[in-house]
């Protein structure tokens, strides 16, 4: 079961008949088999699935860091391998633990992708990095700090600023609120919601945090049985009969997260998946 898109929806990512097979001494391990997925401009698509379903592998294939065994992946109409060099501005990536360079300052971490291109003078790169630093809610006073001096929430924000430094239309997020306390996670979700709206981003997100999932997703795609078994709004996904969906969304954690979401709708914007 797949979500129906408006006829004029622009396809940002298209994945067709994708297979991912890893070789091992014990035999081939099939992770994806004939996986299909479409991501359209402006949505926040969340990927969920059990351990070993290849969620992060799929993100890395969209980014071009890994290659499927067979099948087709296109990003903005091009293979991910053609997104190198100047084309890399099309995709930003926030890795699960931030992946900041420990020897660099906050500002140098944010500026790193622009400096690698060697197309702009350093003063312009510095100004752009300061703008992105403030865009993610951090002050210029944080610019000279090292990653070791930052809290978990600040590391996520610096990593997000780096992912946005080249103004990409597509943003990939791997567990953006993992390891954060509830207040920091809520603040990060508020930040992502605002940036999504202001910058017109298309977002693909992996998350195990049900609060984040319900809060931010305009659509959810569920990976199971080596493929995307269903994609749609929260209501559409929950209605799909499958053991993983029942356990994940309708178990105790899922019920509590949905109750908390409904209790908070009076004081917060409606979740994207319910709009």
Foldseek 3Di string as FASTA:
>chain_A
DEDDDDPPWAWFKWWFQFWAWDQDPVGIDTQAGGATDTFTFLFEEEEDEDPSNCPVVVVCQQCVVDPTPDTDMAGNRHGNVVCPQPNVLQEFEQDQQLPFDQVDALLCSLLVVVVVNVPDDPVVSSVLSQVLCVLLPHHPVRRGHGPVPDDSLSSLSSSVSSRCSSPHQEYEYEASCPPHDPVSSVSNLVSVVVCSVVSSHRYYYYHLQLLSVQQEGLKYFYRDPNYGPYMAFPVVQCPDDDVVSCCSQVNPNNVVSVVVLVVCCVPDPHHNNVD
